[in-house]
Amino acid sequence: MKKLVKVFGLLAVVICMGATLVACGGITGTYKGTYSETAMGVTYSTEMTLQLKSGDKFTMTAKISMGSESSENSVDGTYSVDGEKLTLKVDGNDIEATIKDGVITLDYEGITFELKK
């Protein structure tokens, strides 16, 4: 009986460790999304790229285009995951997002982005 309890206990630990590794390592990669809007006869678009890297680090790049003009900005930071909640931390600020089925959804400056792997 004791041997059976030890086997099931060990199996439970292995399953939990495996689930943790899959949850942490399974989200790394590059996610991309685009948002476009026309205001006052001018169309602008934002292309956002989010790279989730190993070691809980990320790089987010936003390319904003308006007519023939464009600019690109990048920020680096760290991230954490708690279930489906993804928190991006940069310069003392937190950006809350969700991650589900390979899609990251985040609100940034009033715009909702869906970033896909």
PDB file of N, CA and C in Angstrom:
ATOM      1  N   MET A   1       0.823  -1.192   0.000  1.00  0.00           N
ATOM      2  CA  MET A   1       0.000   0.000   0.000  1.00  0.00           C
ATOM      3  C   MET A   1       0.865   1.253   0.000  1.00  0.00           C
ATOM      4  N   LYS A   2       1.917   1.278   0.872  1.00  0.00           N
ATOM      5  CA  LYS A   2       2.791   2.438   0.931  1.00  0.00           C
ATOM      6  C   LYS A   2       3.495   2.652  -0.405  1.00  0.00           C
ATOM      7  N   LYS A   3       3.864   1.551  -1.043  1.00  0.00           N
ATOM      8  CA  LYS A   3       4.556   1.646  -2.331  1.00  0.00           C
ATOM      9  C   LYS A   3       3.630   2.257  -3.386  1.00  0.00           C
ATOM     10  N   LEU A   4       2.365   1.874  -3.372  1.00  0.00           N
ATOM     11  CA  LEU A   4       1.384   2.406  -4.308  1.00  0.00           C
ATOM     12  C   LEU A   4       1.178   3.905  -4.092  1.00  0.00           C
ATOM     13  N   VAL A   5       1.124   4.351  -2.838  1.00  0.00           N
ATOM     14  CA  VAL A   5       0.974   5.774  -2.515  1.00  0.00           C
ATOM     15  C   VAL A   5       2.190   6.549  -3.014  1.00  0.00           C
ATOM     16  N   LYS A   6       3.396   5.988  -2.828  1.00  0.00           N
ATOM     17  CA  LYS A   6       4.610   6.655  -3.301  1.00  0.00           C
ATOM     18  C   LYS A   6       4.603   6.782  -4.816  1.00  0.00           C
ATOM     19  N   VAL A   7       4.178   5.740  -5.514  1.00  0.00           N
ATOM     20  CA  VAL A   7       4.140   5.764  -6.979  1.00  0.00           C
ATOM     21  C   VAL A   7       3.172   6.832  -7.466  1.00  0.00           C
ATOM     22  N   PHE A   8       1.971   6.888  -6.877  1.00  0.00           N
ATOM     23  CA  PHE A   8       0.989   7.903  -7.290  1.00  0.00           C
ATOM     24  C   PHE A   8       1.470   9.312  -6.920  1.00  0.00           C
ATOM     25  N   GLY A   9       2.119   9.453  -5.770  1.00  0.00           N
ATOM     26  CA  GLY A   9       2.669  10.745  -5.371  1.00  0.00           C
ATOM     27  C   GLY A   9       3.745  11.215  -6.339  1.00  0.00           C
ATOM     28  N   LEU A  10       4.634  10.312  -6.722  1.00  0.00           N
ATOM     29  CA  LEU A  10       5.690  10.639  -7.678  1.00  0.00           C
ATOM     30  C   LEU A  10       5.086  10.977  -9.039  1.00  0.00           C
ATOM     31  N   LEU A  11       4.093  10.223  -9.455  1.00  0.00           N
ATOM     32  CA  LEU A  11       3.425  10.482 -10.732  1.00  0.00           C
ATOM     33  C   LEU A  11       2.781  11.864 -10.728  1.00  0.00           C
ATOM     34  N   ALA A  12       2.155  12.247  -9.628  1.00  0.00           N
ATOM     35  CA  ALA A  12       1.532  13.570  -9.523  1.00  0.00           C
ATOM     36  C   ALA A  12       2.571  14.671  -9.639  1.00  0.00           C
ATOM     37  N   VAL A  13       3.729  14.494  -8.996  1.00  0.00           N
ATOM     38  CA  VAL A  13       4.803  15.497  -9.075  1.00  0.00           C
ATOM     39  C   VAL A  13       5.308  15.617 -10.506  1.00  0.00           C
ATOM     40  N   VAL A  14       5.515  14.511 -11.184  1.00  0.00           N
ATOM     41  CA  VAL A  14       6.000  14.525 -12.568  1.00  0.00           C
ATOM     42  C   VAL A  14       4.996  15.226 -13.482  1.00  0.00           C
ATOM     43  N   ILE A  15       3.717  14.941 -13.318  1.00  0.00           N
ATOM     44  CA  ILE A  15       2.688  15.579 -14.138  1.00  0.00           C
ATOM     45  C   ILE A  15       2.671  17.087 -13.899  1.00  0.00           C
ATOM     46  N   CYS A  16       2.756  17.512 -12.638  1.00  0.00           N
ATOM     47  CA  CYS A  16       2.756  18.951 -12.321  1.00  0.00           C
ATOM     48  C   CYS A  16       3.976  19.638 -12.904  1.00  0.00           C
ATOM     49  N   MET A  17       5.142  19.010 -12.793  1.00  0.00           N
ATOM     50  CA  MET A  17       6.357  19.607 -13.351  1.00  0.00           C
ATOM     51  C   MET A  17       6.253  19.701 -14.864  1.00  0.00           C
ATOM     52  N   GLY A  18       5.740  18.691 -15.504  1.00  0.00           N
ATOM     53  CA  GLY A  18       5.573  18.714 -16.953  1.00  0.00           C
ATOM     54  C   GLY A  18       4.615  19.796 -17.398  1.00  0.00           C
ATOM     55  N   ALA A  19       3.517  19.957 -16.677  1.00  0.00           N
ATOM     56  CA  ALA A  19       2.545  21.005 -17.009  1.00  0.00           C
ATOM     57  C   ALA A  19       3.160  22.381 -16.842  1.00  0.00           C
ATOM     58  N   THR A  20       3.976  22.559 -15.806  1.00  0.00           N
ATOM     59  CA  THR A  20       4.641  23.843 -15.591  1.00  0.00           C
ATOM     60  C   THR A  20       5.610  24.141 -16.721  1.00  0.00           C
ATOM     61  N   LEU A  21       6.393  23.181 -17.141  1.00  0.00           N
ATOM     62  CA  LEU A  21       7.337  23.390 -18.240  1.00  0.00           C
ATOM     63  C   LEU A  21       6.616  23.715 -19.536  1.00  0.00           C
ATOM     64  N   VAL A  22       5.535  23.035 -19.812  1.00  0.00           N
ATOM     65  CA  VAL A  22       4.773  23.307 -21.034  1.00  0.00           C
ATOM     66  C   VAL A  22       4.171  24.701 -20.970  1.00  0.00           C
ATOM     67  N   ALA A  23       3.625  25.080 -19.823  1.00  0.00           N
ATOM     68  CA  ALA A  23       3.006  26.403 -19.683  1.00  0.00           C
ATOM     69  C   ALA A  23       4.033  27.506 -19.862  1.00  0.00           C
ATOM     70  N   CYS A  24       5.227  27.343 -19.299  1.00  0.00           N
ATOM     71  CA  CYS A  24       6.237  28.393 -19.390  1.00  0.00           C
ATOM     72  C   CYS A  24       6.905  28.403 -20.762  1.00  0.00           C
ATOM     73  N   GLY A  25       7.336  27.261 -21.229  1.00  0.00           N
ATOM     74  CA  GLY A  25       8.071  27.206 -22.479  1.00  0.00           C
ATOM     75  C   GLY A  25       7.192  27.268 -23.705  1.00  0.00           C
ATOM     76  N   GLY A  26       5.923  26.924 -23.568  1.00  0.00           N
ATOM     77  CA  GLY A  26       5.047  26.853 -24.717  1.00  0.00           C
ATOM     78  C   GLY A  26       4.616  28.193 -25.267  1.00  0.00           C
ATOM     79  N   ILE A  27       4.824  29.283 -24.529  1.00  0.00           N
ATOM     80  CA  ILE A  27       4.349  30.575 -25.009  1.00  0.00           C
ATOM     81  C   ILE A  27       5.440  31.394 -25.677  1.00  0.00           C
ATOM     82  N   THR A  28       6.707  30.993 -25.533  1.00  0.00           N
ATOM     83  CA  THR A  28       7.758  31.790 -26.155  1.00  0.00           C
ATOM     84  C   THR A  28       7.567  31.780 -27.661  1.00  0.00           C
ATOM     85  N   GLY A  29       7.955  32.878 -28.298  1.00  0.00           N
ATOM     86  CA  GLY A  29       7.825  32.996 -29.744  1.00  0.00           C
ATOM     87  C   GLY A  29       7.418  34.407 -30.120  1.00  0.00           C
ATOM     88  N   THR A  30       7.114  34.592 -31.390  1.00  0.00           N
ATOM     89  CA  THR A  30       6.755  35.906 -31.920  1.00  0.00           C
ATOM     90  C   THR A  30       5.265  35.957 -32.229  1.00  0.00           C
ATOM     91  N   TYR A  31       4.616  37.005 -31.751  1.00  0.00           N
ATOM     92  CA  TYR A  31       3.190  37.231 -31.964  1.00  0.00           C
ATOM     93  C   TYR A  31       3.032  38.549 -32.714  1.00  0.00           C
ATOM     94  N   LYS A  32       2.114  38.582 -33.684  1.00  0.00           N
ATOM     95  CA  LYS A  32       1.926  39.787 -34.486  1.00  0.00           C
ATOM     96  C   LYS A  32       0.451  40.130 -34.631  1.00  0.00           C
ATOM     97  N   GLY A  33       0.180  41.440 -34.761  1.00  0.00           N
ATOM     98  CA  GLY A  33      -1.176  41.904 -34.985  1.00  0.00           C
ATOM     99  C   GLY A  33      -1.161  43.275 -35.633  1.00  0.00           C
ATOM    100  N   THR A  34      -2.258  43.627 -36.318  1.00  0.00           N
ATOM    101  CA  THR A  34      -2.378  44.910 -37.007  1.00  0.00           C
ATOM    102  C   THR A  34      -3.703  45.555 -36.653  1.00  0.00           C
ATOM    103  N   TYR A  35      -3.664  46.866 -36.494  1.00  0.00           N
ATOM    104  CA  TYR A  35      -4.869  47.639 -36.234  1.00  0.00           C
ATOM    105  C   TYR A  35      -4.877  48.809 -37.208  1.00  0.00           C
ATOM    106  N   SER A  36      -5.998  49.043 -37.895  1.00  0.00           N
ATOM    107  CA  SER A  36      -6.120  50.165 -38.836  1.00  0.00           C
ATOM    108  C   SER A  36      -7.381  50.953 -38.544  1.00  0.00           C
ATOM    109  N   GLU A  37      -7.306  52.254 -38.795  1.00  0.00           N
ATOM    110  CA  GLU A  37      -8.460  53.124 -38.596  1.00  0.00           C
ATOM    111  C   GLU A  37      -8.324  54.333 -39.515  1.00  0.00           C
ATOM    112  N   THR A  38      -9.465  54.839 -39.983  1.00  0.00           N
ATOM    113  CA  THR A  38      -9.488  56.066 -40.778  1.00  0.00           C
ATOM    114  C   THR A  38     -10.154  57.154 -39.964  1.00  0.00           C
ATOM    115  N   ALA A  39      -9.473  58.280 -39.831  1.00  0.00           N
ATOM    116  CA  ALA A  39     -10.004  59.422 -39.097  1.00  0.00           C
ATOM    117  C   ALA A  39      -9.716  60.686 -39.899  1.00  0.00           C
ATOM    118  N   MET A  40     -10.723  61.499 -40.091  1.00  0.00           N
ATOM    119  CA  MET A  40     -10.598  62.750 -40.830  1.00  0.00           C
ATOM    120  C   MET A  40      -9.976  62.533 -42.214  1.00  0.00           C
ATOM    121  N   GLY A  41     -10.366  61.434 -42.847  1.00  0.00           N
ATOM    122  CA  GLY A  41      -9.916  61.139 -44.198  1.00  0.00           C
ATOM    123  C   GLY A  41      -8.515  60.557 -44.309  1.00  0.00           C
ATOM    124  N   VAL A  42      -7.858  60.324 -43.181  1.00  0.00           N
ATOM    125  CA  VAL A  42      -6.500  59.775 -43.193  1.00  0.00           C
ATOM    126  C   VAL A  42      -6.529  58.397 -42.527  1.00  0.00           C
ATOM    127  N   THR A  43      -5.936  57.430 -43.199  1.00  0.00           N
ATOM    128  CA  THR A  43      -5.859  56.079 -42.647  1.00  0.00           C
ATOM    129  C   THR A  43      -4.515  55.901 -41.949  1.00  0.00           C
ATOM    130  N   TYR A  44      -4.590  55.401 -40.736  1.00  0.00           N
ATOM    131  CA  TYR A  44      -3.351  55.055 -40.057  1.00  0.00           C
ATOM    132  C   TYR A  44      -3.451  53.608 -39.601  1.00  0.00           C
ATOM    133  N   SER A  45      -2.296  52.983 -39.508  1.00  0.00           N
ATOM    134  CA  SER A  45      -2.277  51.594 -39.062  1.00  0.00           C
ATOM    135  C   SER A  45      -1.116  51.388 -38.102  1.00  0.00           C
ATOM    136  N   THR A  46      -1.298  50.430 -37.233  1.00  0.00           N
ATOM    137  CA  THR A  46      -0.263  50.053 -36.274  1.00  0.00           C
ATOM    138  C   THR A  46      -0.013  48.568 -36.415  1.00  0.00           C
ATOM    139  N   GLU A  47       1.231  48.218 -36.647  1.00  0.00           N
ATOM    140  CA  GLU A  47       1.649  46.819 -36.663  1.00  0.00           C
ATOM    141  C   GLU A  47       2.413  46.573 -35.373  1.00  0.00           C
ATOM    142  N   MET A  48       1.938  45.636 -34.578  1.00  0.00           N
ATOM    143  CA  MET A  48       2.597  45.349 -33.314  1.00  0.00           C
ATOM    144  C   MET A  48       3.177  43.943 -33.347  1.00  0.00           C
ATOM    145  N   THR A  49       4.413  43.843 -32.882  1.00  0.00           N
ATOM    146  CA  THR A  49       5.094  42.555 -32.772  1.00  0.00           C
ATOM    147  C   THR A  49       5.555  42.401 -31.331  1.00  0.00           C
ATOM    148  N   LEU A  50       5.253  41.254 -30.752  1.00  0.00           N
ATOM    149  CA  LEU A  50       5.654  40.948 -29.385  1.00  0.00           C
ATOM    150  C   LEU A  50       6.453  39.650 -29.406  1.00  0.00           C
ATOM    151  N   GLN A  51       7.694  39.736 -28.971  1.00  0.00           N
ATOM    152  CA  GLN A  51       8.546  38.552 -28.878  1.00  0.00           C
ATOM    153  C   GLN A  51       8.666  38.164 -27.409  1.00  0.00           C
ATOM    154  N   LEU A  52       8.126  37.008 -27.053  1.00  0.00           N
ATOM    155  CA  LEU A  52       8.293  36.470 -25.712  1.00  0.00           C
ATOM    156  C   LEU A  52       9.491  35.533 -25.758  1.00  0.00           C
ATOM    157  N   LYS A  53      10.508  35.863 -24.988  1.00  0.00           N
ATOM    158  CA  LYS A  53      11.772  35.132 -25.029  1.00  0.00           C
ATOM    159  C   LYS A  53      11.947  34.294 -23.771  1.00  0.00           C
ATOM    160  N   SER A  54      12.885  33.373 -23.825  1.00  0.00           N
ATOM    161  CA  SER A  54      13.192  32.592 -22.633  1.00  0.00           C
ATOM    162  C   SER A  54      13.783  33.523 -21.582  1.00  0.00           C
ATOM    163  N   GLY A  55      13.720  33.116 -20.343  1.00  0.00           N
ATOM    164  CA  GLY A  55      14.194  33.954 -19.257  1.00  0.00           C
ATOM    165  C   GLY A  55      13.207  35.046 -18.889  1.00  0.00           C
ATOM    166  N   ASP A  56      11.943  34.892 -19.311  1.00  0.00           N
ATOM    167  CA  ASP A  56      10.868  35.833 -18.989  1.00  0.00           C
ATOM    168  C   ASP A  56      11.147  37.253 -19.484  1.00  0.00           C
ATOM    169  N   LYS A  57      11.792  37.385 -20.637  1.00  0.00           N
ATOM    170  CA  LYS A  57      12.073  38.691 -21.238  1.00  0.00           C
ATOM    171  C   LYS A  57      11.255  38.848 -22.511  1.00  0.00           C
ATOM    172  N   PHE A  58      10.942  40.102 -22.856  1.00  0.00           N
ATOM    173  CA  PHE A  58      10.199  40.344 -24.084  1.00  0.00           C
ATOM    174  C   PHE A  58      10.699  41.606 -24.772  1.00  0.00           C
ATOM    175  N   THR A  59      10.398  41.697 -26.072  1.00  0.00           N
ATOM    176  CA  THR A  59      10.588  42.913 -26.858  1.00  0.00           C
ATOM    177  C   THR A  59       9.280  43.170 -27.584  1.00  0.00           C
ATOM    178  N   MET A  60       8.743  44.401 -27.436  1.00  0.00           N
ATOM    179  CA  MET A  60       7.532  44.794 -28.142  1.00  0.00           C
ATOM    180  C   MET A  60       7.900  45.921 -29.105  1.00  0.00           C
ATOM    181  N   THR A  61       7.508  45.758 -30.366  1.00  0.00           N
ATOM    182  CA  THR A  61       7.781  46.756 -31.396  1.00  0.00           C
ATOM    183  C   THR A  61       6.472  47.192 -32.021  1.00  0.00           C
ATOM    184  N   ALA A  62       6.289  48.507 -32.139  1.00  0.00           N
ATOM    185  CA  ALA A  62       5.095  49.061 -32.777  1.00  0.00           C
ATOM    186  C   ALA A  62       5.542  49.929 -33.947  1.00  0.00           C
ATOM    187  N   LYS A  63       5.025  49.625 -35.132  1.00  0.00           N
ATOM    188  CA  LYS A  63       5.280  50.435 -36.316  1.00  0.00           C
ATOM    189  C   LYS A  63       3.975  51.143 -36.665  1.00  0.00           C
ATOM    190  N   ILE A  64       4.008  52.462 -36.611  1.00  0.00           N
ATOM    191  CA  ILE A  64       2.817  53.261 -36.860  1.00  0.00           C
ATOM    192  C   ILE A  64       2.976  53.954 -38.205  1.00  0.00           C
ATOM    193  N   SER A  65       2.001  53.764 -39.093  1.00  0.00           N
ATOM    194  CA  SER A  65       2.023  54.380 -40.419  1.00  0.00           C
ATOM    195  C   SER A  65       0.804  55.266 -40.589  1.00  0.00           C
ATOM    196  N   MET A  66       1.031  56.466 -41.145  1.00  0.00           N
ATOM    197  CA  MET A  66      -0.055  57.383 -41.437  1.00  0.00           C
ATOM    198  C   MET A  66       0.275  58.034 -42.785  1.00  0.00           C
ATOM    199  N   GLY A  67      -0.487  57.635 -43.809  1.00  0.00           N
ATOM    200  CA  GLY A  67      -0.170  58.104 -45.159  1.00  0.00           C
ATOM    201  C   GLY A  67       1.196  57.572 -45.560  1.00  0.00           C
ATOM    202  N   SER A  68       2.078  58.461 -46.003  1.00  0.00           N
ATOM    203  CA  SER A  68       3.418  58.037 -46.411  1.00  0.00           C
ATOM    204  C   SER A  68       4.425  58.114 -45.261  1.00  0.00           C
ATOM    205  N   GLU A  69       3.995  58.575 -44.108  1.00  0.00           N
ATOM    206  CA  GLU A  69       4.865  58.695 -42.936  1.00  0.00           C
ATOM    207  C   GLU A  69       4.771  57.437 -42.066  1.00  0.00           C
ATOM    208  N   SER A  70       5.897  57.058 -41.456  1.00  0.00           N
ATOM    209  CA  SER A  70       5.860  55.938 -40.515  1.00  0.00           C
ATOM    210  C   SER A  70       6.949  56.116 -39.468  1.00  0.00           C
ATOM    211  N   SER A  71       6.719  55.510 -38.324  1.00  0.00           N
ATOM    212  CA  SER A  71       7.723  55.507 -37.256  1.00  0.00           C
ATOM    213  C   SER A  71       7.657  54.160 -36.555  1.00  0.00           C
ATOM    214  N   GLU A  72       8.763  53.798 -35.921  1.00  0.00           N
ATOM    215  CA  GLU A  72       8.832  52.506 -35.244  1.00  0.00           C
ATOM    216  C   GLU A  72       9.493  52.694 -33.888  1.00  0.00           C
ATOM    217  N   ASN A  73       8.903  52.102 -32.876  1.00  0.00           N
ATOM    218  CA  ASN A  73       9.430  52.170 -31.512  1.00  0.00           C
ATOM    219  C   ASN A  73       9.444  50.775 -30.914  1.00  0.00           C
ATOM    220  N   SER A  74      10.467  50.499 -30.107  1.00  0.00           N
ATOM    221  CA  SER A  74      10.576  49.208 -29.420  1.00  0.00           C
ATOM    222  C   SER A  74      10.833  49.427 -27.943  1.00  0.00           C
ATOM    223  N   VAL A  75      10.325  48.510 -27.132  1.00  0.00           N
ATOM    224  CA  VAL A  75      10.604  48.491 -25.701  1.00  0.00           C
ATOM    225  C   VAL A  75      10.951  47.064 -25.293  1.00  0.00           C
ATOM    226  N   ASP A  76      11.794  46.956 -24.297  1.00  0.00           N
ATOM    227  CA  ASP A  76      12.163  45.669 -23.724  1.00  0.00           C
ATOM    228  C   ASP A  76      11.691  45.623 -22.285  1.00  0.00           C
ATOM    229  N   GLY A  77      11.372  44.436 -21.819  1.00  0.00           N
ATOM    230  CA  GLY A  77      10.945  44.276 -20.440  1.00  0.00           C
ATOM    231  C   GLY A  77      10.911  42.816 -20.053  1.00  0.00           C
ATOM    232  N   THR A  78      10.192  42.550 -18.976  1.00  0.00           N
ATOM    233  CA  THR A  78      10.027  41.181 -18.495  1.00  0.00           C
ATOM    234  C   THR A  78       8.542  40.848 -18.480  1.00  0.00           C
ATOM    235  N   TYR A  79       8.244  39.557 -18.421  1.00  0.00           N
ATOM    236  CA  TYR A  79       6.840  39.140 -18.374  1.00  0.00           C
ATOM    237  C   TYR A  79       6.653  38.026 -17.364  1.00  0.00           C
ATOM    238  N   SER A  80       5.408  37.876 -16.942  1.00  0.00           N
ATOM    239  CA  SER A  80       5.035  36.756 -16.081  1.00  0.00           C
ATOM    240  C   SER A  80       3.687  36.226 -16.556  1.00  0.00           C
ATOM    241  N   VAL A  81       3.455  34.961 -16.284  1.00  0.00           N
ATOM    242  CA  VAL A  81       2.218  34.300 -16.685  1.00  0.00           C
ATOM    243  C   VAL A  81       1.598  33.646 -15.466  1.00  0.00           C
ATOM    244  N   ASP A  82       0.282  33.868 -15.312  1.00  0.00           N
ATOM    245  CA  ASP A  82      -0.473  33.227 -14.247  1.00  0.00           C
ATOM    246  C   ASP A  82      -1.765  32.718 -14.887  1.00  0.00           C
ATOM    247  N   GLY A  83      -1.777  31.452 -15.252  1.00  0.00           N
ATOM    248  CA  GLY A  83      -2.929  30.896 -15.974  1.00  0.00           C
ATOM    249  C   GLY A  83      -3.005  31.527 -17.351  1.00  0.00           C
ATOM    250  N   GLU A  84      -4.120  32.213 -17.648  1.00  0.00           N
ATOM    251  CA  GLU A  84      -4.281  32.894 -18.932  1.00  0.00           C
ATOM    252  C   GLU A  84      -3.890  34.369 -18.850  1.00  0.00           C
ATOM    253  N   LYS A  85      -3.468  34.815 -17.679  1.00  0.00           N
ATOM    254  CA  LYS A  85      -3.097  36.221 -17.474  1.00  0.00           C
ATOM    255  C   LYS A  85      -1.616  36.411 -17.787  1.00  0.00           C
ATOM    256  N   LEU A  86      -1.328  37.324 -18.700  1.00  0.00           N
ATOM    257  CA  LEU A  86       0.037  37.674 -19.088  1.00  0.00           C
ATOM    258  C   LEU A  86       0.283  39.111 -18.641  1.00  0.00           C
ATOM    259  N   THR A  87       1.344  39.329 -17.871  1.00  0.00           N
ATOM    260  CA  THR A  87       1.693  40.668 -17.420  1.00  0.00           C
ATOM    261  C   THR A  87       3.035  41.045 -18.019  1.00  0.00           C
ATOM    262  N   LEU A  88       3.048  42.133 -18.787  1.00  0.00           N
ATOM    263  CA  LEU A  88       4.270  42.670 -19.366  1.00  0.00           C
ATOM    264  C   LEU A  88       4.726  43.816 -18.484  1.00  0.00           C
ATOM    265  N   LYS A  89       5.983  43.794 -18.068  1.00  0.00           N
ATOM    266  CA  LYS A  89       6.506  44.832 -17.175  1.00  0.00           C
ATOM    267  C   LYS A  89       7.605  45.593 -17.904  1.00  0.00           C
ATOM    268  N   VAL A  90       7.405  46.924 -18.004  1.00  0.00           N
ATOM    269  CA  VAL A  90       8.395  47.767 -18.671  1.00  0.00           C
ATOM    270  C   VAL A  90       8.447  49.125 -17.984  1.00  0.00           C
ATOM    271  N   ASP A  91       9.633  49.561 -17.630  1.00  0.00           N
ATOM    272  CA  ASP A  91       9.852  50.868 -17.006  1.00  0.00           C
ATOM    273  C   ASP A  91       8.930  51.117 -15.821  1.00  0.00           C
ATOM    274  N   GLY A  92       8.733  50.115 -14.977  1.00  0.00           N
ATOM    275  CA  GLY A  92       7.908  50.282 -13.788  1.00  0.00           C
ATOM    276  C   GLY A  92       6.413  50.229 -14.027  1.00  0.00           C
ATOM    277  N   ASN A  93       5.993  49.989 -15.260  1.00  0.00           N
ATOM    278  CA  ASN A  93       4.570  49.904 -15.597  1.00  0.00           C
ATOM    279  C   ASN A  93       4.213  48.480 -15.991  1.00  0.00           C
ATOM    280  N   ASP A  94       2.978  48.086 -15.677  1.00  0.00           N
ATOM    281  CA  ASP A  94       2.469  46.771 -16.050  1.00  0.00           C
ATOM    282  C   ASP A  94       1.440  46.916 -17.158  1.00  0.00           C
ATOM    283  N   ILE A  95       1.542  46.076 -18.170  1.00  0.00           N
ATOM    284  CA  ILE A  95       0.531  45.982 -19.221  1.00  0.00           C
ATOM    285  C   ILE A  95      -0.105  44.606 -19.065  1.00  0.00           C
ATOM    286  N   GLU A  96      -1.394  44.585 -18.762  1.00  0.00           N
ATOM    287  CA  GLU A  96      -2.110  43.327 -18.560  1.00  0.00           C
ATOM    288  C   GLU A  96      -2.654  42.823 -19.886  1.00  0.00           C
ATOM    289  N   ALA A  97      -2.553  41.524 -20.102  1.00  0.00           N
ATOM    290  CA  ALA A  97      -3.049  40.898 -21.321  1.00  0.00           C
ATOM    291  C   ALA A  97      -3.539  39.501 -20.969  1.00  0.00           C
ATOM    292  N   THR A  98      -4.197  38.872 -21.923  1.00  0.00           N
ATOM    293  CA  THR A  98      -4.573  37.472 -21.764  1.00  0.00           C
ATOM    294  C   THR A  98      -3.914  36.682 -22.884  1.00  0.00           C
ATOM    295  N   ILE A  99      -3.625  35.436 -22.591  1.00  0.00           N
ATOM    296  CA  ILE A  99      -3.071  34.543 -23.607  1.00  0.00           C
ATOM    297  C   ILE A  99      -3.875  33.255 -23.576  1.00  0.00           C
ATOM    298  N   LYS A 100      -4.445  32.917 -24.738  1.00  0.00           N
ATOM    299  CA  LYS A 100      -5.282  31.722 -24.823  1.00  0.00           C
ATOM    300  C   LYS A 100      -5.236  31.201 -26.253  1.00  0.00           C
ATOM    301  N   ASP A 101      -4.992  29.917 -26.403  1.00  0.00           N
ATOM    302  CA  ASP A 101      -4.981  29.249 -27.702  1.00  0.00           C
ATOM    303  C   ASP A 101      -4.053  29.941 -28.692  1.00  0.00           C
ATOM    304  N   GLY A 102      -2.878  30.378 -28.235  1.00  0.00           N
ATOM    305  CA  GLY A 102      -1.894  30.987 -29.125  1.00  0.00           C
ATOM    306  C   GLY A 102      -2.207  32.420 -29.521  1.00  0.00           C
ATOM    307  N   VAL A 103      -3.161  33.065 -28.841  1.00  0.00           N
ATOM    308  CA  VAL A 103      -3.531  34.446 -29.144  1.00  0.00           C
ATOM    309  C   VAL A 103      -3.368  35.290 -27.883  1.00  0.00           C
ATOM    310  N   ILE A 104      -2.639  36.400 -28.022  1.00  0.00           N
ATOM    311  CA  ILE A 104      -2.494  37.350 -26.926  1.00  0.00           C
ATOM    312  C   ILE A 104      -3.415  38.528 -27.218  1.00  0.00           C
ATOM    313  N   THR A 105      -4.262  38.868 -26.266  1.00  0.00           N
ATOM    314  CA  THR A 105      -5.163  40.011 -26.393  1.00  0.00           C
ATOM    315  C   THR A 105      -4.744  41.043 -25.369  1.00  0.00           C
ATOM    316  N   LEU A 106      -4.458  42.270 -25.849  1.00  0.00           N
ATOM    317  CA  LEU A 106      -4.074  43.332 -24.929  1.00  0.00           C
ATOM    318  C   LEU A 106      -4.666  44.656 -25.363  1.00  0.00           C
ATOM    319  N   ASP A 107      -4.964  45.471 -24.379  1.00  0.00           N
ATOM    320  CA  ASP A 107      -5.438  46.830 -24.624  1.00  0.00           C
ATOM    321  C   ASP A 107      -4.268  47.764 -24.390  1.00  0.00           C
ATOM    322  N   TYR A 108      -3.972  48.575 -25.389  1.00  0.00           N
ATOM    323  CA  TYR A 108      -2.860  49.505 -25.290  1.00  0.00           C
ATOM    324  C   TYR A 108      -3.306  50.860 -25.800  1.00  0.00           C
ATOM    325  N   GLU A 109      -3.341  51.828 -24.916  1.00  0.00           N
ATOM    326  CA  GLU A 109      -3.762  53.191 -25.233  1.00  0.00           C
ATOM    327  C   GLU A 109      -5.128  53.224 -25.912  1.00  0.00           C
ATOM    328  N   GLY A 110      -6.062  52.438 -25.371  1.00  0.00           N
ATOM    329  CA  GLY A 110      -7.438  52.435 -25.867  1.00  0.00           C
ATOM    330  C   GLY A 110      -7.690  51.581 -27.092  1.00  0.00           C
ATOM    331  N   ILE A 111      -6.678  50.888 -27.568  1.00  0.00           N
ATOM    332  CA  ILE A 111      -6.836  50.027 -28.752  1.00  0.00           C
ATOM    333  C   ILE A 111      -6.636  48.576 -28.313  1.00  0.00           C
ATOM    334  N   THR A 112      -7.535  47.702 -28.754  1.00  0.00           N
ATOM    335  CA  THR A 112      -7.408  46.284 -28.440  1.00  0.00           C
ATOM    336  C   THR A 112      -6.677  45.584 -29.580  1.00  0.00           C
ATOM    337  N   PHE A 113      -5.582  44.923 -29.237  1.00  0.00           N
ATOM    338  CA  PHE A 113      -4.795  44.175 -30.217  1.00  0.00           C
ATOM    339  C   PHE A 113      -4.963  42.683 -29.967  1.00  0.00           C
ATOM    340  N   GLU A 114      -5.084  41.919 -31.047  1.00  0.00           N
ATOM    341  CA  GLU A 114      -5.004  40.468 -30.985  1.00  0.00           C
ATOM    342  C   GLU A 114      -3.747  40.072 -31.721  1.00  0.00           C
ATOM    343  N   LEU A 115      -2.809  39.529 -30.974  1.00  0.00           N
ATOM    344  CA  LEU A 115      -1.534  39.137 -31.534  1.00  0.00           C
ATOM    345  C   LEU A 115      -1.498  37.625 -31.658  1.00  0.00           C
ATOM    346  N   LYS A 116      -1.197  37.152 -32.857  1.00  0.00           N
ATOM    347  CA  LYS A 116      -1.198  35.712 -33.107  1.00  0.00           C
ATOM    348  C   LYS A 116       0.197  35.226 -33.412  1.00  0.00           C
ATOM    349  N   LYS A 117       0.454  34.003 -32.954  1.00  0.00           N
ATOM    350  CA  LYS A 117       1.771  33.375 -33.138  1.00  0.00           C
ATOM    351  C   LYS A 117       1.966  32.969 -34.569  1.00  0.00           C
TER     352      LYS A 117
END
